[in-house]
Amino acid sequence: MRTLEQTTDEILNLTATHFKVPRAELAPNDDFFKKLGIDSLQALELLTRLENHFGIELPDYELQGVTDFRTLANRIQSRL
């Protein structure tokens, strides 16, 4: 089973690849909307990619208000 740290790291790696940004520029506490300059549609694309990667489904109500990688990792980790 993955640790929360491993899940967070995988999210950051996938995000860096998806948005073509250096992994070193992303940190767990970053607000992904501000850091990446993305809109809600781009965030949805990322979430879909993460759901596929981890083999889970995240209900919309669990993602309301989530804007940082650490909180997103917690939500994903709870579904693993």
C-alpha atoms as a PDB file:
ATOM      1  CA  MET A   1       0.000   0.000   0.000  1.00  0.00           C
ATOM      2  CA  ARG A   2       1.164   3.505  -0.845  1.00  0.00           C
ATOM      3  CA  THR A   3       1.980   6.015   1.838  1.00  0.00           C
ATOM      4  CA  LEU A   4       0.502   9.506   1.686  1.00  0.00           C
ATOM      5  CA  GLU A   5       3.954  10.797   0.769  1.00  0.00           C
ATOM      6  CA  GLN A   6       4.187   8.381  -2.173  1.00  0.00           C
ATOM      7  CA  THR A   7       0.695   9.332  -3.366  1.00  0.00           C
ATOM      8  CA  THR A   8       1.573  13.028  -3.144  1.00  0.00           C
ATOM      9  CA  ASP A   9       4.797  12.459  -5.060  1.00  0.00           C
ATOM     10  CA  GLU A  10       2.986  10.543  -7.805  1.00  0.00           C
ATOM     11  CA  ILE A  11       0.436  13.360  -8.125  1.00  0.00           C
ATOM     12  CA  LEU A  12       3.194  15.955  -8.422  1.00  0.00           C
ATOM     13  CA  ASN A  13       5.053  13.863 -11.015  1.00  0.00           C
ATOM     14  CA  LEU A  14       1.928  13.296 -13.101  1.00  0.00           C
ATOM     15  CA  THR A  15       0.999  16.977 -12.869  1.00  0.00           C
ATOM     16  CA  ALA A  16       4.473  18.052 -13.971  1.00  0.00           C
ATOM     17  CA  THR A  17       4.306  15.714 -16.960  1.00  0.00           C
ATOM     18  CA  HIS A  18       0.740  16.677 -17.901  1.00  0.00           C
ATOM     19  CA  PHE A  19       1.352  20.414 -17.776  1.00  0.00           C
ATOM     20  CA  LYS A  20       4.985  20.242 -18.934  1.00  0.00           C
ATOM     21  CA  VAL A  21       6.438  22.048 -15.926  1.00  0.00           C
ATOM     22  CA  PRO A  22       9.591  21.100 -14.003  1.00  0.00           C
ATOM     23  CA  ARG A  23       8.748  18.763 -11.131  1.00  0.00           C
ATOM     24  CA  ALA A  24      11.061  20.771  -8.850  1.00  0.00           C
ATOM     25  CA  GLU A  25       8.717  23.768  -9.181  1.00  0.00           C
ATOM     26  CA  LEU A  26       5.797  21.905  -7.583  1.00  0.00           C
ATOM     27  CA  ALA A  27       5.310  21.455  -3.839  1.00  0.00           C
ATOM     28  CA  PRO A  28       2.584  19.637  -1.863  1.00  0.00           C
ATOM     29  CA  ASN A  29       1.112  22.841  -0.411  1.00  0.00           C
ATOM     30  CA  ASP A  30       0.916  24.661  -3.749  1.00  0.00           C
ATOM     31  CA  ASP A  31      -2.472  25.854  -4.955  1.00  0.00           C
ATOM     32  CA  PHE A  32      -2.576  24.115  -8.326  1.00  0.00           C
ATOM     33  CA  PHE A  33      -4.852  26.749  -9.906  1.00  0.00           C
ATOM     34  CA  LYS A  34      -2.434  29.555  -9.043  1.00  0.00           C
ATOM     35  CA  LYS A  35       0.803  27.622  -9.515  1.00  0.00           C
ATOM     36  CA  LEU A  36      -0.132  26.202 -12.903  1.00  0.00           C
ATOM     37  CA  GLY A  37      -2.368  29.048 -14.070  1.00  0.00           C
ATOM     38  CA  ILE A  38      -5.118  26.576 -14.982  1.00  0.00           C
ATOM     39  CA  ASP A  39      -8.880  26.852 -15.170  1.00  0.00           C
ATOM     40  CA  SER A  40     -11.515  24.438 -13.896  1.00  0.00           C
ATOM     41  CA  LEU A  41     -11.625  22.487 -17.179  1.00  0.00           C
ATOM     42  CA  GLN A  42      -7.879  21.870 -17.070  1.00  0.00           C
ATOM     43  CA  ALA A  43      -8.184  20.840 -13.417  1.00  0.00           C
ATOM     44  CA  LEU A  44     -10.907  18.379 -14.407  1.00  0.00           C
ATOM     45  CA  GLU A  45      -8.614  16.904 -17.080  1.00  0.00           C
ATOM     46  CA  LEU A  46      -5.915  16.444 -14.452  1.00  0.00           C
ATOM     47  CA  LEU A  47      -8.351  14.843 -12.004  1.00  0.00           C
ATOM     48  CA  THR A  48      -9.530  12.415 -14.683  1.00  0.00           C
ATOM     49  CA  ARG A  49      -5.937  11.470 -15.396  1.00  0.00           C
ATOM     50  CA  LEU A  50      -5.267  10.959 -11.678  1.00  0.00           C
ATOM     51  CA  GLU A  51      -8.399   8.837 -11.253  1.00  0.00           C
ATOM     52  CA  ASN A  52      -7.267   6.622 -14.129  1.00  0.00           C
ATOM     53  CA  HIS A  53      -3.722   6.395 -12.773  1.00  0.00           C
ATOM     54  CA  PHE A  54      -4.809   5.390  -9.286  1.00  0.00           C
ATOM     55  CA  GLY A  55      -7.805   3.315 -10.433  1.00  0.00           C
ATOM     56  CA  ILE A  56     -10.303   5.229  -8.295  1.00  0.00           C
ATOM     57  CA  GLU A  57     -13.284   7.525  -8.681  1.00  0.00           C
ATOM     58  CA  LEU A  58     -13.489  10.771  -6.746  1.00  0.00           C
ATOM     59  CA  PRO A  59     -17.018  12.113  -6.262  1.00  0.00           C
ATOM     60  CA  ASP A  60     -17.442  15.816  -7.022  1.00  0.00           C
ATOM     61  CA  TYR A  61     -18.516  16.571  -3.451  1.00  0.00           C
ATOM     62  CA  GLU A  62     -15.150  15.320  -2.159  1.00  0.00           C
ATOM     63  CA  LEU A  63     -13.280  17.721  -4.413  1.00  0.00           C
ATOM     64  CA  GLN A  64     -15.202  20.908  -3.682  1.00  0.00           C
ATOM     65  CA  GLY A  65     -12.815  23.488  -2.311  1.00  0.00           C
ATOM     66  CA  VAL A  66      -9.719  21.343  -2.941  1.00  0.00           C
ATOM     67  CA  THR A  67      -7.013  23.509  -4.491  1.00  0.00           C
ATOM     68  CA  ASP A  68      -3.720  22.157  -3.150  1.00  0.00           C
ATOM     69  CA  PHE A  69      -1.852  18.967  -3.951  1.00  0.00           C
ATOM     70  CA  ARG A  70      -1.630  17.749  -0.342  1.00  0.00           C
ATOM     71  CA  THR A  71      -5.405  17.852   0.198  1.00  0.00           C
ATOM     72  CA  LEU A  72      -5.929  16.186  -3.172  1.00  0.00           C
ATOM     73  CA  ALA A  73      -3.485  13.447  -2.129  1.00  0.00           C
ATOM     74  CA  ASN A  74      -5.433  12.931   1.101  1.00  0.00           C
ATOM     75  CA  ARG A  75      -8.677  12.515  -0.847  1.00  0.00           C
ATOM     76  CA  ILE A  76      -7.048  10.040  -3.246  1.00  0.00           C
ATOM     77  CA  GLN A  77      -5.321   8.157  -0.426  1.00  0.00           C
ATOM     78  CA  SER A  78      -8.661   7.640   1.328  1.00  0.00           C
ATOM     79  CA  ARG A  79      -9.945   5.837  -1.786  1.00  0.00           C
ATOM     80  CA  LEU A  80      -6.982   3.470  -2.220  1.00  0.00           C
END
